[in-house]
Amino acid sequence: MASLLEGWVRKAFEPVGATRVSWIGSFAGVLGALLLALNMTWSGLGWFAFLASNFAWIIYAVLHRVPSLLVMQLVFTSTSLIGIFRWSV
């Protein structure tokens, strides 16, 4: 199952380039942090930016076979989803 997922991710995202994926992850993470720190009407969108960052870093972790980063981003994805749920309620 893991090799199937890895193969799919490689086929889908390798043409984009791992460097671009990592910059997208970094930019989205910084944007999410700024939005939440501002504590304004649009701050809830920071959780969606964090979620985009999580997905980018998951792709990067799979492409580069970094299991520690993968586990961390899977946990952060769950906290992003909790944040989205709590902000929308």
C-alpha atoms as a PDB file:
ATOM      1  CA  MET A   1       0.000   0.000   0.000  1.00  0.00           C
ATOM      2  CA  ALA A   2       2.780   2.433   0.922  1.00  0.00           C
ATOM      3  CA  SER A   3       4.660   1.765  -2.313  1.00  0.00           C
ATOM      4  CA  LEU A   4       1.437   2.259  -4.284  1.00  0.00           C
ATOM      5  CA  LEU A   5       0.917   5.642  -2.607  1.00  0.00           C
ATOM      6  CA  GLU A   6       4.547   6.590  -3.152  1.00  0.00           C
ATOM      7  CA  GLY A   7       4.342   5.622  -6.819  1.00  0.00           C
ATOM      8  CA  TRP A   8       1.194   7.683  -7.323  1.00  0.00           C
ATOM      9  CA  VAL A   9       2.672  10.730  -5.574  1.00  0.00           C
ATOM     10  CA  ARG A  10       5.885  10.470  -7.588  1.00  0.00           C
ATOM     11  CA  LYS A  11       3.993  10.177 -10.872  1.00  0.00           C
ATOM     12  CA  ALA A  12       1.663  13.057 -10.035  1.00  0.00           C
ATOM     13  CA  PHE A  13       4.071  15.546  -8.489  1.00  0.00           C
ATOM     14  CA  GLU A  14       7.616  14.805  -9.647  1.00  0.00           C
ATOM     15  CA  PRO A  15       7.166  16.877 -12.823  1.00  0.00           C
ATOM     16  CA  VAL A  16       6.281  19.871 -10.619  1.00  0.00           C
ATOM     17  CA  GLY A  17       9.535  19.470  -8.767  1.00  0.00           C
ATOM     18  CA  ALA A  18      10.161  18.855  -5.096  1.00  0.00           C
ATOM     19  CA  THR A  19      11.747  22.275  -4.687  1.00  0.00           C
ATOM     20  CA  ARG A  20       8.571  24.001  -5.851  1.00  0.00           C
ATOM     21  CA  VAL A  21       6.461  21.813  -3.566  1.00  0.00           C
ATOM     22  CA  SER A  22       8.652  22.723  -0.591  1.00  0.00           C
ATOM     23  CA  TRP A  23       8.358  26.459  -1.361  1.00  0.00           C
ATOM     24  CA  ILE A  24       4.576  26.149  -1.646  1.00  0.00           C
ATOM     25  CA  GLY A  25       4.555  24.392   1.731  1.00  0.00           C
ATOM     26  CA  SER A  26       6.721  27.072   3.300  1.00  0.00           C
ATOM     27  CA  PHE A  27       4.739  29.979   1.862  1.00  0.00           C
ATOM     28  CA  ALA A  28       1.376  28.471   2.845  1.00  0.00           C
ATOM     29  CA  GLY A  29       2.629  27.783   6.383  1.00  0.00           C
ATOM     30  CA  VAL A  30       3.877  31.348   6.832  1.00  0.00           C
ATOM     31  CA  LEU A  31       0.613  32.723   5.422  1.00  0.00           C
ATOM     32  CA  GLY A  32      -1.387  30.557   7.836  1.00  0.00           C
ATOM     33  CA  ALA A  33       0.652  31.724  10.808  1.00  0.00           C
ATOM     34  CA  LEU A  34       0.272  35.383   9.820  1.00  0.00           C
ATOM     35  CA  LEU A  35      -3.476  35.090   9.312  1.00  0.00           C
ATOM     36  CA  LEU A  36      -4.001  33.449  12.692  1.00  0.00           C
ATOM     37  CA  ALA A  37      -1.688  35.888  14.464  1.00  0.00           C
ATOM     38  CA  LEU A  38      -3.589  38.895  13.106  1.00  0.00           C
ATOM     39  CA  ASN A  39      -6.786  37.664  14.809  1.00  0.00           C
ATOM     40  CA  MET A  40      -9.137  39.426  12.409  1.00  0.00           C
ATOM     41  CA  THR A  41     -12.227  38.487  10.401  1.00  0.00           C
ATOM     42  CA  TRP A  42     -10.221  36.536   7.825  1.00  0.00           C
ATOM     43  CA  SER A  43      -7.993  34.773  10.349  1.00  0.00           C
ATOM     44  CA  GLY A  44      -9.893  31.482  10.043  1.00  0.00           C
ATOM     45  CA  LEU A  45      -8.526  31.142   6.526  1.00  0.00           C
ATOM     46  CA  GLY A  46      -5.166  30.558   8.178  1.00  0.00           C
ATOM     47  CA  TRP A  47      -6.284  27.004   8.931  1.00  0.00           C
ATOM     48  CA  PHE A  48      -6.850  26.403   5.212  1.00  0.00           C
ATOM     49  CA  ALA A  49      -3.394  27.801   4.481  1.00  0.00           C
ATOM     50  CA  PHE A  50      -1.956  25.435   7.102  1.00  0.00           C
ATOM     51  CA  LEU A  51      -3.837  22.558   5.459  1.00  0.00           C
ATOM     52  CA  ALA A  52      -2.342  23.451   2.065  1.00  0.00           C
ATOM     53  CA  SER A  53       1.081  23.575   3.712  1.00  0.00           C
ATOM     54  CA  ASN A  54       0.485  20.166   5.292  1.00  0.00           C
ATOM     55  CA  PHE A  55      -0.401  18.619   1.919  1.00  0.00           C
ATOM     56  CA  ALA A  56       2.662  20.134   0.259  1.00  0.00           C
ATOM     57  CA  TRP A  57       4.981  18.833   2.986  1.00  0.00           C
ATOM     58  CA  ILE A  58       3.340  15.393   2.860  1.00  0.00           C
ATOM     59  CA  ILE A  59       4.095  15.264  -0.864  1.00  0.00           C
ATOM     60  CA  TYR A  60       7.673  16.388  -0.220  1.00  0.00           C
ATOM     61  CA  ALA A  61       8.120  13.777   2.527  1.00  0.00           C
ATOM     62  CA  VAL A  62       6.884  10.991   0.258  1.00  0.00           C
ATOM     63  CA  LEU A  63       9.039  12.107  -2.681  1.00  0.00           C
ATOM     64  CA  HIS A  64      12.160  12.297  -0.507  1.00  0.00           C
ATOM     65  CA  ARG A  65      11.320   9.356   1.763  1.00  0.00           C
ATOM     66  CA  VAL A  66      11.429  11.334   5.021  1.00  0.00           C
ATOM     67  CA  PRO A  67       9.167   9.361   7.384  1.00  0.00           C
ATOM     68  CA  SER A  68       9.619  11.702  10.353  1.00  0.00           C
ATOM     69  CA  LEU A  69       8.383  14.673   8.312  1.00  0.00           C
ATOM     70  CA  LEU A  70       5.512  12.582   6.964  1.00  0.00           C
ATOM     71  CA  VAL A  71       4.335  11.588  10.449  1.00  0.00           C
ATOM     72  CA  MET A  72       4.613  15.162  11.718  1.00  0.00           C
ATOM     73  CA  GLN A  73       2.613  16.537   8.790  1.00  0.00           C
ATOM     74  CA  LEU A  74      -0.077  13.873   9.160  1.00  0.00           C
ATOM     75  CA  VAL A  75      -0.521  14.961  12.789  1.00  0.00           C
ATOM     76  CA  PHE A  76      -0.484  18.637  11.773  1.00  0.00           C
ATOM     77  CA  THR A  77      -3.113  17.848   9.123  1.00  0.00           C
ATOM     78  CA  SER A  78      -5.404  16.584  11.870  1.00  0.00           C
ATOM     79  CA  THR A  79      -4.834  19.761  13.912  1.00  0.00           C
ATOM     80  CA  SER A  80      -5.548  21.870  10.824  1.00  0.00           C
ATOM     81  CA  LEU A  81      -8.812  20.000  10.266  1.00  0.00           C
ATOM     82  CA  ILE A  82      -9.751  20.510  13.920  1.00  0.00           C
ATOM     83  CA  GLY A  83      -8.962  24.221  13.552  1.00  0.00           C
ATOM     84  CA  ILE A  84     -11.126  24.475  10.425  1.00  0.00           C
ATOM     85  CA  PHE A  85     -13.985  22.704  12.187  1.00  0.00           C
ATOM     86  CA  ARG A  86     -13.753  24.817  15.342  1.00  0.00           C
ATOM     87  CA  TRP A  87     -13.440  28.083  13.427  1.00  0.00           C
ATOM     88  CA  SER A  88     -16.469  27.284  11.253  1.00  0.00           C
ATOM     89  CA  VAL A  89     -18.754  26.356  14.180  1.00  0.00           C
END
